[in-house]
Amino acid sequence: MSLIETYRANAAAERAAAEKTNLPNRRAMHERAAMTWETMATSAEDTLRRASVNQAAKAERTEQDCELR
């Protein structure tokens, strides 16, 4: 299980816990935790996307450097 999948699973668990409780403050706490986990998953996805773009750009620069030599 990847880190992103773990974050999403934690968010789902928090949402399930929010549905099960009848205490408004506890429900709000679980909903906030779920939003936090979702934000972390989104951030991790964005980081992976940027890393792959950066890696592709670096490979392209390296290829161009080799052609110039």
N, C-alpha and C. Protein backbone atom coordinates (compact mmCIF):
# COMPACT_ATOMS: atom_id res chain seq x y z
N MET A 1 0.85 -1.17 0.00
CA MET A 1 0.00 0.00 0.00
C MET A 1 0.89 1.23 0.00
N SER A 2 0.62 2.13 -0.94
CA SER A 2 1.43 3.34 -1.03
C SER A 2 1.03 4.33 0.07
N LEU A 3 1.85 5.32 0.22
CA LEU A 3 1.58 6.35 1.22
C LEU A 3 0.26 7.06 0.92
N ILE A 4 0.02 7.34 -0.35
CA ILE A 4 -1.21 8.02 -0.75
C ILE A 4 -2.42 7.14 -0.43
N GLU A 5 -2.33 5.86 -0.73
CA GLU A 5 -3.42 4.93 -0.41
C GLU A 5 -3.66 4.86 1.10
N THR A 6 -2.60 4.90 1.87
CA THR A 6 -2.72 4.89 3.33
C THR A 6 -3.45 6.13 3.81
N TYR A 7 -3.07 7.28 3.27
CA TYR A 7 -3.74 8.53 3.64
C TYR A 7 -5.23 8.48 3.30
N ARG A 8 -5.55 7.97 2.11
CA ARG A 8 -6.97 7.88 1.71
C ARG A 8 -7.73 6.88 2.59
N ALA A 9 -7.08 5.79 2.96
CA ALA A 9 -7.72 4.81 3.85
C ALA A 9 -7.98 5.42 5.22
N ASN A 10 -7.02 6.20 5.71
CA ASN A 10 -7.22 6.88 7.00
C ASN A 10 -8.37 7.87 6.92
N ALA A 11 -8.48 8.57 5.81
CA ALA A 11 -9.59 9.52 5.63
C ALA A 11 -10.92 8.77 5.64
N ALA A 12 -10.96 7.64 4.96
CA ALA A 12 -12.20 6.84 4.93
C ALA A 12 -12.54 6.33 6.32
N ALA A 13 -11.55 5.92 7.08
CA ALA A 13 -11.79 5.43 8.44
C ALA A 13 -12.33 6.56 9.32
N GLU A 14 -11.79 7.75 9.15
CA GLU A 14 -12.28 8.89 9.93
C GLU A 14 -13.71 9.25 9.55
N ARG A 15 -14.04 9.17 8.26
CA ARG A 15 -15.41 9.43 7.83
C ARG A 15 -16.38 8.39 8.40
N ALA A 16 -15.94 7.14 8.40
CA ALA A 16 -16.77 6.07 8.97
C ALA A 16 -16.99 6.30 10.47
N ALA A 17 -15.95 6.70 11.15
CA ALA A 17 -16.07 6.98 12.59
C ALA A 17 -17.01 8.16 12.82
N ALA A 18 -16.97 9.14 11.95
CA ALA A 18 -17.85 10.30 12.09
C ALA A 18 -19.32 9.89 11.92
N GLU A 19 -19.56 8.97 11.00
CA GLU A 19 -20.94 8.50 10.77
C GLU A 19 -21.47 7.70 11.95
N LYS A 20 -20.59 7.02 12.66
CA LYS A 20 -21.02 6.13 13.74
C LYS A 20 -21.32 6.86 15.04
N THR A 21 -20.73 8.01 15.23
CA THR A 21 -20.91 8.70 16.51
C THR A 21 -22.15 9.58 16.50
N ASN A 22 -22.75 9.71 17.66
CA ASN A 22 -23.90 10.59 17.77
C ASN A 22 -23.56 11.88 18.52
N LEU A 23 -22.29 12.06 18.83
CA LEU A 23 -21.83 13.26 19.52
C LEU A 23 -21.35 14.29 18.49
N PRO A 24 -21.97 15.45 18.45
CA PRO A 24 -21.63 16.45 17.41
C PRO A 24 -20.16 16.88 17.42
N ASN A 25 -19.60 17.08 18.60
CA ASN A 25 -18.19 17.50 18.66
C ASN A 25 -17.27 16.40 18.17
N ARG A 26 -17.57 15.17 18.53
CA ARG A 26 -16.75 14.04 18.09
C ARG A 26 -16.88 13.86 16.57
N ARG A 27 -18.09 14.02 16.05
CA ARG A 27 -18.30 13.92 14.60
C ARG A 27 -17.48 14.98 13.87
N ALA A 28 -17.52 16.20 14.37
CA ALA A 28 -16.76 17.29 13.76
C ALA A 28 -15.26 17.00 13.80
N MET A 29 -14.80 16.43 14.91
CA MET A 29 -13.38 16.09 15.04
C MET A 29 -12.99 15.07 13.97
N HIS A 30 -13.81 14.04 13.78
CA HIS A 30 -13.50 13.02 12.77
C HIS A 30 -13.56 13.59 11.36
N GLU A 31 -14.52 14.48 11.12
CA GLU A 31 -14.62 15.09 9.79
C GLU A 31 -13.42 15.98 9.49
N ARG A 32 -12.95 16.71 10.49
CA ARG A 32 -11.73 17.53 10.30
C ARG A 32 -10.52 16.63 10.04
N ALA A 33 -10.44 15.52 10.77
CA ALA A 33 -9.32 14.60 10.57
C ALA A 33 -9.36 14.01 9.15
N ALA A 34 -10.56 13.67 8.67
CA ALA A 34 -10.70 13.15 7.32
C ALA A 34 -10.24 14.17 6.29
N MET A 35 -10.62 15.43 6.49
CA MET A 35 -10.18 16.48 5.57
C MET A 35 -8.66 16.63 5.59
N THR A 36 -8.08 16.51 6.76
CA THR A 36 -6.62 16.60 6.88
C THR A 36 -5.94 15.47 6.12
N TRP A 37 -6.44 14.24 6.29
CA TRP A 37 -5.88 13.09 5.57
C TRP A 37 -6.02 13.27 4.06
N GLU A 38 -7.16 13.78 3.61
CA GLU A 38 -7.37 14.01 2.18
C GLU A 38 -6.40 15.07 1.65
N THR A 39 -6.19 16.11 2.44
CA THR A 39 -5.25 17.16 2.05
C THR A 39 -3.84 16.59 1.94
N MET A 40 -3.47 15.74 2.88
CA MET A 40 -2.14 15.12 2.83
C MET A 40 -2.00 14.23 1.60
N ALA A 41 -3.05 13.48 1.25
CA ALA A 41 -3.01 12.62 0.07
C ALA A 41 -2.87 13.46 -1.20
N THR A 42 -3.63 14.53 -1.28
CA THR A 42 -3.56 15.42 -2.44
C THR A 42 -2.17 16.04 -2.57
N SER A 43 -1.63 16.45 -1.44
CA SER A 43 -0.29 17.03 -1.44
C SER A 43 0.76 16.02 -1.90
N ALA A 44 0.64 14.79 -1.43
CA ALA A 44 1.58 13.74 -1.83
C ALA A 44 1.46 13.46 -3.33
N GLU A 45 0.24 13.46 -3.86
CA GLU A 45 0.05 13.26 -5.30
C GLU A 45 0.69 14.40 -6.09
N ASP A 46 0.49 15.62 -5.62
CA ASP A 46 1.09 16.78 -6.30
C ASP A 46 2.62 16.69 -6.27
N THR A 47 3.16 16.26 -5.16
CA THR A 47 4.61 16.12 -5.04
C THR A 47 5.13 15.08 -6.03
N LEU A 48 4.44 13.95 -6.13
CA LEU A 48 4.85 12.92 -7.09
C LEU A 48 4.78 13.44 -8.53
N ARG A 49 3.73 14.18 -8.82
CA ARG A 49 3.57 14.74 -10.16
C ARG A 49 4.70 15.72 -10.48
N ARG A 50 5.01 16.60 -9.53
CA ARG A 50 6.10 17.56 -9.76
C ARG A 50 7.44 16.84 -9.89
N ALA A 51 7.65 15.82 -9.09
CA ALA A 51 8.91 15.07 -9.14
C ALA A 51 9.09 14.41 -10.50
N SER A 52 8.01 13.86 -11.05
CA SER A 52 8.14 13.20 -12.36
C SER A 52 8.39 14.23 -13.46
N VAL A 53 7.77 15.39 -13.36
CA VAL A 53 8.02 16.46 -14.34
C VAL A 53 9.47 16.93 -14.23
N ASN A 54 9.94 17.12 -13.01
CA ASN A 54 11.32 17.56 -12.82
C ASN A 54 12.31 16.52 -13.33
N GLN A 55 12.00 15.24 -13.09
CA GLN A 55 12.89 14.18 -13.55
C GLN A 55 12.92 14.13 -15.08
N ALA A 56 11.78 14.30 -15.72
CA ALA A 56 11.74 14.31 -17.18
C ALA A 56 12.51 15.50 -17.73
N ALA A 57 12.38 16.65 -17.10
CA ALA A 57 13.11 17.84 -17.56
C ALA A 57 14.61 17.65 -17.38
N LYS A 58 14.99 17.03 -16.28
CA LYS A 58 16.41 16.78 -16.04
C LYS A 58 16.96 15.81 -17.08
N ALA A 59 16.20 14.77 -17.41
CA ALA A 59 16.65 13.81 -18.42
C ALA A 59 16.79 14.48 -19.77
N GLU A 60 15.88 15.39 -20.08
CA GLU A 60 15.95 16.11 -21.36
C GLU A 60 17.18 17.00 -21.41
N ARG A 61 17.46 17.69 -20.29
CA ARG A 61 18.65 18.55 -20.25
C ARG A 61 19.92 17.71 -20.40
N THR A 62 19.96 16.57 -19.74
CA THR A 62 21.13 15.69 -19.82
C THR A 62 21.33 15.20 -21.25
N GLU A 63 20.23 14.86 -21.91
CA GLU A 63 20.29 14.41 -23.30
C GLU A 63 20.82 15.52 -24.20
N GLN A 64 20.35 16.73 -23.99
CA GLN A 64 20.81 17.87 -24.79
C GLN A 64 22.30 18.13 -24.54
N ASP A 65 22.73 18.01 -23.30
CA ASP A 65 24.15 18.22 -22.96
C ASP A 65 25.02 17.21 -23.69
N CYS A 66 24.55 15.98 -23.77
CA CYS A 66 25.31 14.93 -24.47
C CYS A 66 25.42 15.23 -25.96
N GLU A 67 24.35 15.79 -26.54
CA GLU A 67 24.36 16.12 -27.97
C GLU A 67 25.33 17.27 -28.27
N LEU A 68 25.51 18.15 -27.32
CA LEU A 68 26.40 19.30 -27.53
C LEU A 68 27.87 18.92 -27.45
N ARG A 69 28.15 17.82 -26.83
CA ARG A 69 29.56 17.42 -26.66
C ARG A 69 30.11 16.76 -27.87
